[in-house]
Amino acid sequence: MTEAALLDPVEHDETATAQAVVAARDVSLVFDAEGGRVTALAGVDLSIMPGDFVSLIGPSGCGKTTLLRAIADLERPSSGSLLVNGMSPEDARKRRSYGYVFQAPALYPWRNVARNVMLPLEIMGLARAERRVRVARYLALVGLGEFARKFPWQLSGGMQQRVSIARALAFEPKLLLMDEPFGALDEITRDGLNLHLHELWRRTGMTAVFVTHSIPEAVFLSTRIVVMSARPGRVVDIIDNDLPATRDLDLRETPEFLAVAHRVREALRAGHSYD
């Protein structure tokens, strides 16, 4: 789907907006920086529907993370409309409508795995019994049930990120936001986590927005791929990914996978990402 199609008012009816988990309309974001103003996002239109796994991909500095942070109410758009679960990002944050996984796991070294996952539940004031049930459930979901009493320094980088994902899921949000969580990992670990995350998404039915620089990762994980231009960040293309719902790493060698990857690469070129 092209940007022109996204701007068609037929695509932007009120019913579609009401159903969207994320609805961005003409969103722009300008920073005041040393040396002048910087336009990070310009006229972004995007609808993310329940159950979508949407990857944001584009060159460094194109505004992918800025858009994710705007959805999370960590940045405020300068203009346009942005709704999360039908409410403002600020209200969505206050109602804990989303979980956020950062590039680094950000685990407290003095807390063991279980207590790191439990932290947001403590802040929410959940009863101790419920906290324990949820911690056990989500550590099992990410395959780390037997590591509950370990400390972060005793885990690999990939395992630490799985703890971070479990923590984000523990308060059971409707939306999971992920800012290139596997970018610093080696390829083998990253492949394994791609498999695990895809299976986790299929089992939970959650909606996910995922920032990445990797074309294969975006194609493997996503139902739709949002390609962004170099700064100021605009939506160049939105590519529907019709690959089978059940995926394994061998899929990456198939003509169908390579065809989608080619479309993403061509869209990146159209956005001048190689200039």
C-alpha atoms as a PDB file:
ATOM      1  CA  MET A   1       0.000   0.000   0.000  1.00  0.00           C
ATOM      2  CA  THR A   2       1.424   3.350  -0.999  1.00  0.00           C
ATOM      3  CA  GLU A   3       1.368   6.588   0.970  1.00  0.00           C
ATOM      4  CA  ALA A   4      -1.088   7.998  -1.551  1.00  0.00           C
ATOM      5  CA  ALA A   5      -3.482   5.151  -0.808  1.00  0.00           C
ATOM      6  CA  LEU A   6      -3.115   5.773   2.909  1.00  0.00           C
ATOM      7  CA  LEU A   7      -4.165   9.377   2.422  1.00  0.00           C
ATOM      8  CA  ASP A   8      -7.365   8.377   0.605  1.00  0.00           C
ATOM      9  CA  PRO A   9     -10.248   9.472   2.859  1.00  0.00           C
ATOM     10  CA  VAL A  10     -12.064   6.212   2.091  1.00  0.00           C
ATOM     11  CA  GLU A  11      -9.317   4.451   4.036  1.00  0.00           C
ATOM     12  CA  HIS A  12      -9.701   6.848   6.964  1.00  0.00           C
ATOM     13  CA  ASP A  13     -13.338   6.479   7.913  1.00  0.00           C
ATOM     14  CA  GLU A  14     -14.318   6.841  11.555  1.00  0.00           C
ATOM     15  CA  THR A  15     -15.128   3.142  11.946  1.00  0.00           C
ATOM     16  CA  ALA A  16     -11.614   2.093  10.936  1.00  0.00           C
ATOM     17  CA  THR A  17     -10.110   4.674  13.307  1.00  0.00           C
ATOM     18  CA  ALA A  18     -12.275   3.457  16.185  1.00  0.00           C
ATOM     19  CA  GLN A  19     -11.192  -0.153  15.612  1.00  0.00           C
ATOM     20  CA  ALA A  20      -7.475   0.619  15.297  1.00  0.00           C
ATOM     21  CA  VAL A  21      -5.117  -0.085  18.177  1.00  0.00           C
ATOM     22  CA  VAL A  22      -2.925   2.758  16.885  1.00  0.00           C
ATOM     23  CA  ALA A  23      -4.345   5.488  14.646  1.00  0.00           C
ATOM     24  CA  ALA A  24      -1.937   8.182  13.419  1.00  0.00           C
ATOM     25  CA  ARG A  25      -3.245  10.959  11.187  1.00  0.00           C
ATOM     26  CA  ASP A  26      -0.859  13.513   9.672  1.00  0.00           C
ATOM     27  CA  VAL A  27       1.497  13.208  12.647  1.00  0.00           C
ATOM     28  CA  SER A  28       4.550  15.471  12.616  1.00  0.00           C
ATOM     29  CA  LEU A  29       7.138  15.934  15.328  1.00  0.00           C
ATOM     30  CA  VAL A  30       9.721  18.720  15.480  1.00  0.00           C
ATOM     31  CA  PHE A  31      12.560  18.900  18.005  1.00  0.00           C
ATOM     32  CA  ASP A  32      14.288  22.058  19.145  1.00  0.00           C
ATOM     33  CA  ALA A  33      17.971  21.175  18.931  1.00  0.00           C
ATOM     34  CA  GLU A  34      21.280  22.985  19.075  1.00  0.00           C
ATOM     35  CA  GLY A  35      21.756  24.611  15.686  1.00  0.00           C
ATOM     36  CA  GLY A  36      18.054  24.799  14.842  1.00  0.00           C
ATOM     37  CA  ARG A  37      14.824  22.853  14.672  1.00  0.00           C
ATOM     38  CA  VAL A  38      14.850  19.226  13.518  1.00  0.00           C
ATOM     39  CA  THR A  39      11.815  17.628  11.865  1.00  0.00           C
ATOM     40  CA  ALA A  40      11.849  13.982  12.944  1.00  0.00           C
ATOM     41  CA  LEU A  41       8.420  12.982  11.561  1.00  0.00           C
ATOM     42  CA  ALA A  42       6.376  14.618   8.818  1.00  0.00           C
ATOM     43  CA  GLY A  43       2.776  13.791   7.905  1.00  0.00           C
ATOM     44  CA  VAL A  44       2.748  10.185   9.148  1.00  0.00           C
ATOM     45  CA  ASP A  45      -0.502   8.297   8.500  1.00  0.00           C
ATOM     46  CA  LEU A  46      -0.778   4.804   9.922  1.00  0.00           C
ATOM     47  CA  SER A  47      -3.451   2.440  11.258  1.00  0.00           C
ATOM     48  CA  ILE A  48      -2.462  -0.637  13.259  1.00  0.00           C
ATOM     49  CA  MET A  49      -5.284  -3.099  13.780  1.00  0.00           C
ATOM     50  CA  PRO A  50      -5.840  -5.670  16.560  1.00  0.00           C
ATOM     51  CA  GLY A  51      -3.583  -8.700  16.138  1.00  0.00           C
ATOM     52  CA  ASP A  52      -1.209  -6.976  13.710  1.00  0.00           C
ATOM     53  CA  PHE A  53       2.531  -7.456  13.964  1.00  0.00           C
ATOM     54  CA  VAL A  54       3.853  -4.282  12.358  1.00  0.00           C
ATOM     55  CA  SER A  55       7.551  -3.629  11.786  1.00  0.00           C
ATOM     56  CA  LEU A  56       8.886  -0.110  11.285  1.00  0.00           C
ATOM     57  CA  ILE A  57      11.971  -0.155   9.073  1.00  0.00           C
ATOM     58  CA  GLY A  58      14.108   2.578   7.572  1.00  0.00           C
ATOM     59  CA  PRO A  59      17.562   4.143   7.696  1.00  0.00           C
ATOM     60  CA  SER A  60      19.139   5.353  10.930  1.00  0.00           C
ATOM     61  CA  GLY A  61      17.674   8.656  12.041  1.00  0.00           C
ATOM     62  CA  CYS A  62      14.459   8.275  10.024  1.00  0.00           C
ATOM     63  CA  GLY A  63      12.161   8.560  13.032  1.00  0.00           C
ATOM     64  CA  LYS A  64      11.248   4.903  13.667  1.00  0.00           C
ATOM     65  CA  THR A  65      12.016   5.085  17.373  1.00  0.00           C
ATOM     66  CA  THR A  66      10.546   8.582  17.591  1.00  0.00           C
ATOM     67  CA  LEU A  67       7.238   7.264  16.238  1.00  0.00           C
ATOM     68  CA  LEU A  68       7.322   4.368  18.711  1.00  0.00           C
ATOM     69  CA  ARG A  69       8.069   6.773  21.561  1.00  0.00           C
ATOM     70  CA  ALA A  70       5.197   9.016  20.465  1.00  0.00           C
ATOM     71  CA  ILE A  71       2.831   6.030  20.629  1.00  0.00           C
ATOM     72  CA  ALA A  72       4.163   5.371  24.147  1.00  0.00           C
ATOM     73  CA  ASP A  73       3.742   9.027  25.215  1.00  0.00           C
ATOM     74  CA  LEU A  74       7.504   9.396  25.634  1.00  0.00           C
ATOM     75  CA  GLU A  75       7.448  12.096  22.937  1.00  0.00           C
ATOM     76  CA  ARG A  76       4.626  14.477  22.027  1.00  0.00           C
ATOM     77  CA  PRO A  77       3.689  15.104  18.361  1.00  0.00           C
ATOM     78  CA  SER A  78       3.916  18.722  17.238  1.00  0.00           C
ATOM     79  CA  SER A  79       0.818  18.352  15.082  1.00  0.00           C
ATOM     80  CA  GLY A  80      -1.657  15.773  13.841  1.00  0.00           C
ATOM     81  CA  SER A  81      -3.749  13.205  15.684  1.00  0.00           C
ATOM     82  CA  LEU A  82      -2.481  10.084  17.468  1.00  0.00           C
ATOM     83  CA  LEU A  83      -4.744   7.622  19.289  1.00  0.00           C
ATOM     84  CA  VAL A  84      -3.791   4.444  21.148  1.00  0.00           C
ATOM     85  CA  ASN A  85      -6.650   2.059  21.901  1.00  0.00           C
ATOM     86  CA  GLY A  86      -9.025   4.893  21.094  1.00  0.00           C
ATOM     87  CA  MET A  87      -7.526   7.334  23.612  1.00  0.00           C
ATOM     88  CA  SER A  88      -4.630   9.753  23.780  1.00  0.00           C
ATOM     89  CA  PRO A  89      -1.162   8.248  24.281  1.00  0.00           C
ATOM     90  CA  GLU A  90      -1.083   9.908  27.713  1.00  0.00           C
ATOM     91  CA  ASP A  91      -4.318   8.213  28.775  1.00  0.00           C
ATOM     92  CA  ALA A  92      -3.118   4.905  27.297  1.00  0.00           C
ATOM     93  CA  ARG A  93       0.070   5.203  29.356  1.00  0.00           C
ATOM     94  CA  LYS A  94      -1.824   5.978  32.539  1.00  0.00           C
ATOM     95  CA  ARG A  95      -4.100   2.998  31.948  1.00  0.00           C
ATOM     96  CA  ARG A  96      -1.093   0.768  31.229  1.00  0.00           C
ATOM     97  CA  SER A  97      -2.470  -0.125  27.813  1.00  0.00           C
ATOM     98  CA  TYR A  98       0.895  -1.090  26.361  1.00  0.00           C
ATOM     99  CA  GLY A  99       4.166  -2.767  27.259  1.00  0.00           C
ATOM    100  CA  TYR A 100       7.512  -1.359  26.088  1.00  0.00           C
ATOM    101  CA  VAL A 101      10.695  -3.334  25.414  1.00  0.00           C
ATOM    102  CA  PHE A 102      13.791  -1.155  25.005  1.00  0.00           C
ATOM    103  CA  GLN A 103      16.952  -1.809  22.997  1.00  0.00           C
ATOM    104  CA  ALA A 104      18.723  -2.834  26.229  1.00  0.00           C
ATOM    105  CA  PRO A 105      16.975  -5.081  28.783  1.00  0.00           C
ATOM    106  CA  ALA A 106      17.229  -2.475  31.601  1.00  0.00           C
ATOM    107  CA  LEU A 107      17.047  -5.073  34.369  1.00  0.00           C
ATOM    108  CA  TYR A 108      17.931  -4.258  37.975  1.00  0.00           C
ATOM    109  CA  PRO A 109      21.075  -6.272  38.842  1.00  0.00           C
ATOM    110  CA  TRP A 110      20.150  -6.587  42.528  1.00  0.00           C
ATOM    111  CA  ARG A 111      16.771  -8.159  41.717  1.00  0.00           C
ATOM    112  CA  ASN A 112      16.544 -11.741  40.536  1.00  0.00           C
ATOM    113  CA  VAL A 113      14.632 -12.613  37.358  1.00  0.00           C
ATOM    114  CA  ALA A 114      11.294 -13.144  39.112  1.00  0.00           C
ATOM    115  CA  ARG A 115      11.529  -9.864  41.023  1.00  0.00           C
ATOM    116  CA  ASN A 116      12.488  -7.949  37.864  1.00  0.00           C
ATOM    117  CA  VAL A 117       9.374  -9.247  36.131  1.00  0.00           C
ATOM    118  CA  MET A 118       7.340  -8.541  39.264  1.00  0.00           C
ATOM    119  CA  LEU A 119       8.372  -4.871  39.546  1.00  0.00           C
ATOM    120  CA  PRO A 120       5.584  -3.280  37.453  1.00  0.00           C
ATOM    121  CA  LEU A 121       3.055  -5.510  39.211  1.00  0.00           C
ATOM    122  CA  GLU A 122       4.267  -4.175  42.554  1.00  0.00           C
ATOM    123  CA  ILE A 123       3.870  -0.622  41.271  1.00  0.00           C
ATOM    124  CA  MET A 124       0.334  -1.470  40.130  1.00  0.00           C
ATOM    125  CA  GLY A 125      -0.477  -2.710  43.632  1.00  0.00           C
ATOM    126  CA  LEU A 126      -1.479  -6.252  42.664  1.00  0.00           C
ATOM    127  CA  ALA A 127      -1.864  -8.730  45.480  1.00  0.00           C
ATOM    128  CA  ARG A 128       1.182 -10.875  46.184  1.00  0.00           C
ATOM    129  CA  ALA A 129      -0.533 -14.101  45.134  1.00  0.00           C
ATOM    130  CA  GLU A 130      -1.578 -12.611  41.781  1.00  0.00           C
ATOM    131  CA  ARG A 131       1.933 -11.238  41.227  1.00  0.00           C
ATOM    132  CA  ARG A 132       3.427 -14.687  41.745  1.00  0.00           C
ATOM    133  CA  VAL A 133       0.933 -16.313  39.381  1.00  0.00           C
ATOM    134  CA  ARG A 134       1.665 -13.805  36.627  1.00  0.00           C
ATOM    135  CA  VAL A 135       5.432 -13.998  37.027  1.00  0.00           C
ATOM    136  CA  ALA A 136       5.340 -17.779  36.746  1.00  0.00           C
ATOM    137  CA  ARG A 137       2.988 -17.617  33.747  1.00  0.00           C
ATOM    138  CA  TYR A 138       5.032 -15.173  31.707  1.00  0.00           C
ATOM    139  CA  LEU A 139       8.445 -16.566  32.547  1.00  0.00           C
ATOM    140  CA  ALA A 140       7.125 -19.927  31.356  1.00  0.00           C
ATOM    141  CA  LEU A 141       5.763 -18.251  28.223  1.00  0.00           C
ATOM    142  CA  VAL A 142       9.227 -16.943  27.296  1.00  0.00           C
ATOM    143  CA  GLY A 143      10.879 -20.244  28.229  1.00  0.00           C
ATOM    144  CA  LEU A 144      12.618 -19.058  31.416  1.00  0.00           C
ATOM    145  CA  GLY A 145      10.553 -20.651  34.165  1.00  0.00           C
ATOM    146  CA  GLU A 146      13.547 -22.462  35.617  1.00  0.00           C
ATOM    147  CA  PHE A 147      15.620 -19.252  35.797  1.00  0.00           C
ATOM    148  CA  ALA A 148      13.305 -17.323  38.134  1.00  0.00           C
ATOM    149  CA  ARG A 149      15.866 -17.190  40.952  1.00  0.00           C
ATOM    150  CA  LYS A 150      18.842 -16.282  38.745  1.00  0.00           C
ATOM    151  CA  PHE A 151      20.198 -12.742  38.568  1.00  0.00           C
ATOM    152  CA  PRO A 152      20.587 -10.792  35.304  1.00  0.00           C
ATOM    153  CA  TRP A 153      24.376 -11.128  35.322  1.00  0.00           C
ATOM    154  CA  GLN A 154      23.955 -14.909  35.279  1.00  0.00           C
ATOM    155  CA  LEU A 155      22.011 -14.819  31.980  1.00  0.00           C
ATOM    156  CA  SER A 156      23.029 -14.397  28.364  1.00  0.00           C
ATOM    157  CA  GLY A 157      22.044 -11.254  26.473  1.00  0.00           C
ATOM    158  CA  GLY A 158      19.248 -13.092  24.689  1.00  0.00           C
ATOM    159  CA  MET A 159      17.870 -14.461  27.950  1.00  0.00           C
ATOM    160  CA  GLN A 160      17.945 -10.989  29.488  1.00  0.00           C
ATOM    161  CA  GLN A 161      15.844  -9.693  26.603  1.00  0.00           C
ATOM    162  CA  ARG A 162      13.354 -12.506  27.154  1.00  0.00           C
ATOM    163  CA  VAL A 163      13.079 -11.405  30.795  1.00  0.00           C
ATOM    164  CA  SER A 164      12.407  -7.879  29.529  1.00  0.00           C
ATOM    165  CA  ILE A 165       9.655  -9.204  27.245  1.00  0.00           C
ATOM    166  CA  ALA A 166       8.119 -11.193  30.120  1.00  0.00           C
ATOM    167  CA  ARG A 167       8.125  -8.056  32.264  1.00  0.00           C
ATOM    168  CA  ALA A 168       6.386  -6.075  29.510  1.00  0.00           C
ATOM    169  CA  LEU A 169       3.732  -8.785  29.149  1.00  0.00           C
ATOM    170  CA  ALA A 170       3.190  -9.391  32.861  1.00  0.00           C
ATOM    171  CA  PHE A 171       0.644  -6.607  33.302  1.00  0.00           C
ATOM    172  CA  GLU A 172      -1.180  -8.003  30.251  1.00  0.00           C
ATOM    173  CA  PRO A 173      -1.263  -4.976  27.926  1.00  0.00           C
ATOM    174  CA  LYS A 174      -3.202  -4.923  24.670  1.00  0.00           C
ATOM    175  CA  LEU A 175      -0.185  -3.611  22.770  1.00  0.00           C
ATOM    176  CA  LEU A 176       3.525  -4.494  22.839  1.00  0.00           C
ATOM    177  CA  LEU A 177       6.016  -1.869  21.623  1.00  0.00           C
ATOM    178  CA  MET A 178       9.555  -3.074  20.867  1.00  0.00           C
ATOM    179  CA  ASP A 179      12.467  -0.789  20.002  1.00  0.00           C
ATOM    180  CA  GLU A 180      14.979  -2.939  18.118  1.00  0.00           C
ATOM    181  CA  PRO A 181      15.342  -5.321  21.081  1.00  0.00           C
ATOM    182  CA  PHE A 182      17.603  -7.809  19.283  1.00  0.00           C
ATOM    183  CA  GLY A 183      19.888  -5.391  17.445  1.00  0.00           C
ATOM    184  CA  ALA A 184      22.916  -5.890  19.703  1.00  0.00           C
ATOM    185  CA  LEU A 185      22.761  -9.700  19.681  1.00  0.00           C
ATOM    186  CA  ASP A 186      24.728 -12.154  17.561  1.00  0.00           C
ATOM    187  CA  GLU A 187      22.987 -13.619  14.532  1.00  0.00           C
ATOM    188  CA  ILE A 188      22.385 -17.082  16.002  1.00  0.00           C
ATOM    189  CA  THR A 189      20.825 -15.673  19.183  1.00  0.00           C
ATOM    190  CA  ARG A 190      18.805 -13.202  17.138  1.00  0.00           C
ATOM    191  CA  ASP A 191      17.432 -15.976  14.921  1.00  0.00           C
ATOM    192  CA  GLY A 192      16.358 -17.928  17.980  1.00  0.00           C
ATOM    193  CA  LEU A 193      14.619 -14.938  19.499  1.00  0.00           C
ATOM    194  CA  ASN A 194      12.861 -14.168  16.210  1.00  0.00           C
ATOM    195  CA  LEU A 195      11.443 -17.692  16.291  1.00  0.00           C
ATOM    196  CA  HIS A 196      10.455 -17.350  19.933  1.00  0.00           C
ATOM    197  CA  LEU A 197       8.855 -13.937  19.476  1.00  0.00           C
ATOM    198  CA  HIS A 198       6.878 -15.089  16.450  1.00  0.00           C
ATOM    199  CA  GLU A 199       5.518 -18.069  18.366  1.00  0.00           C
ATOM    200  CA  LEU A 200       4.763 -15.841  21.368  1.00  0.00           C
ATOM    201  CA  TRP A 201       2.792 -13.466  19.139  1.00  0.00           C
ATOM    202  CA  ARG A 202       0.818 -16.358  17.610  1.00  0.00           C
ATOM    203  CA  ARG A 203      -0.013 -17.834  21.022  1.00  0.00           C
ATOM    204  CA  THR A 204      -1.073 -14.596  22.704  1.00  0.00           C
ATOM    205  CA  GLY A 205      -2.811 -12.822  19.806  1.00  0.00           C
ATOM    206  CA  MET A 206      -1.291  -9.537  20.980  1.00  0.00           C
ATOM    207  CA  THR A 207      -0.749  -6.505  18.759  1.00  0.00           C
ATOM    208  CA  ALA A 208       2.935  -5.649  18.288  1.00  0.00           C
ATOM    209  CA  VAL A 209       4.894  -2.709  16.858  1.00  0.00           C
ATOM    210  CA  PHE A 210       8.539  -3.568  16.262  1.00  0.00           C
ATOM    211  CA  VAL A 211      11.418  -1.266  15.237  1.00  0.00           C
ATOM    212  CA  THR A 212      14.220  -2.881  13.230  1.00  0.00           C
ATOM    213  CA  HIS A 213      16.985  -2.153  10.730  1.00  0.00           C
ATOM    214  CA  SER A 214      16.934  -5.745   9.449  1.00  0.00           C
ATOM    215  CA  ILE A 215      14.954  -6.600   6.311  1.00  0.00           C
ATOM    216  CA  PRO A 216      14.961 -10.392   7.001  1.00  0.00           C
ATOM    217  CA  GLU A 217      13.808  -9.794  10.579  1.00  0.00           C
ATOM    218  CA  ALA A 218      10.984  -7.493   9.457  1.00  0.00           C
ATOM    219  CA  VAL A 219       9.803  -9.955   6.809  1.00  0.00           C
ATOM    220  CA  PHE A 220      10.016 -12.962   9.128  1.00  0.00           C
ATOM    221  CA  LEU A 221       8.073 -11.412  12.000  1.00  0.00           C
ATOM    222  CA  SER A 222       5.507  -9.131  10.438  1.00  0.00           C
ATOM    223  CA  THR A 223       2.010  -9.164   9.078  1.00  0.00           C
ATOM    224  CA  ARG A 224       2.714  -5.671   7.696  1.00  0.00           C
ATOM    225  CA  ILE A 225       5.947  -3.761   7.133  1.00  0.00           C
ATOM    226  CA  VAL A 226       5.998   0.032   7.331  1.00  0.00           C
ATOM    227  CA  VAL A 227       8.881   1.474   5.302  1.00  0.00           C
ATOM    228  CA  MET A 228      10.012   4.950   6.326  1.00  0.00           C
ATOM    229  CA  SER A 229      12.079   7.515   4.446  1.00  0.00           C
ATOM    230  CA  ALA A 230      15.211   9.287   5.572  1.00  0.00           C
ATOM    231  CA  ARG A 231      14.590  12.295   7.817  1.00  0.00           C
ATOM    232  CA  PRO A 232      12.104  13.791   7.985  1.00  0.00           C
ATOM    233  CA  GLY A 233      10.468  10.431   8.577  1.00  0.00           C
ATOM    234  CA  ARG A 234       7.544   9.728   6.271  1.00  0.00           C
ATOM    235  CA  VAL A 235       5.726   6.536   5.394  1.00  0.00           C
ATOM    236  CA  VAL A 236       7.065   5.476   1.994  1.00  0.00           C
ATOM    237  CA  ASP A 237       5.106   2.231   1.728  1.00  0.00           C
ATOM    238  CA  ILE A 238       3.135  -0.277   3.779  1.00  0.00           C
ATOM    239  CA  ILE A 239       3.674  -3.828   2.604  1.00  0.00           C
ATOM    240  CA  ASP A 240       1.191  -6.553   3.464  1.00  0.00           C
ATOM    241  CA  ASN A 241       3.024  -9.776   4.283  1.00  0.00           C
ATOM    242  CA  ASP A 242       1.003 -12.830   3.276  1.00  0.00           C
ATOM    243  CA  LEU A 243       3.571 -15.458   4.250  1.00  0.00           C
ATOM    244  CA  PRO A 244       2.170 -18.441   6.209  1.00  0.00           C
ATOM    245  CA  ALA A 245       1.135 -17.748   9.799  1.00  0.00           C
ATOM    246  CA  THR A 246       3.376 -20.578  11.012  1.00  0.00           C
ATOM    247  CA  ARG A 247       6.988 -19.770  10.172  1.00  0.00           C
ATOM    248  CA  ASP A 248      10.402 -21.326  10.643  1.00  0.00           C
ATOM    249  CA  LEU A 249      13.864 -20.143   9.631  1.00  0.00           C
ATOM    250  CA  ASP A 250      13.832 -22.229   6.447  1.00  0.00           C
ATOM    251  CA  LEU A 251      11.114 -19.908   5.187  1.00  0.00           C
ATOM    252  CA  ARG A 252      13.782 -17.262   4.606  1.00  0.00           C
ATOM    253  CA  GLU A 253      15.192 -19.269   1.691  1.00  0.00           C
ATOM    254  CA  THR A 254      11.904 -19.519  -0.191  1.00  0.00           C
ATOM    255  CA  PRO A 255      10.999 -17.460  -3.281  1.00  0.00           C
ATOM    256  CA  GLU A 256       7.963 -16.040  -1.476  1.00  0.00           C
ATOM    257  CA  PHE A 257      10.080 -14.700   1.387  1.00  0.00           C
ATOM    258  CA  LEU A 258      12.681 -13.270  -0.976  1.00  0.00           C
ATOM    259  CA  ALA A 259       9.959 -11.577  -3.011  1.00  0.00           C
ATOM    260  CA  VAL A 260       8.654  -9.719   0.056  1.00  0.00           C
ATOM    261  CA  ALA A 261      12.219  -8.804   1.067  1.00  0.00           C
ATOM    262  CA  HIS A 262      12.787  -7.435  -2.436  1.00  0.00           C
ATOM    263  CA  ARG A 263       9.697  -5.227  -2.135  1.00  0.00           C
ATOM    264  CA  VAL A 264      10.974  -3.846   1.174  1.00  0.00           C
ATOM    265  CA  ARG A 265      14.397  -3.153  -0.327  1.00  0.00           C
ATOM    266  CA  GLU A 266      12.859  -1.366  -3.309  1.00  0.00           C
ATOM    267  CA  ALA A 267      10.716   0.759  -0.979  1.00  0.00           C
ATOM    268  CA  LEU A 268      13.794   1.697   1.033  1.00  0.00           C
ATOM    269  CA  ARG A 269      15.515   2.766  -2.162  1.00  0.00           C
ATOM    270  CA  ALA A 270      12.487   4.827  -3.106  1.00  0.00           C
ATOM    271  CA  GLY A 271      12.867   6.585   0.244  1.00  0.00           C
ATOM    272  CA  HIS A 272      16.470   7.479  -0.660  1.00  0.00           C
ATOM    273  CA  SER A 273      17.859   5.392   2.193  1.00  0.00           C
ATOM    274  CA  TYR A 274      20.987   4.636   0.167  1.00  0.00           C
ATOM    275  CA  ASP A 275      21.810   8.247  -0.744  1.00  0.00           C
END
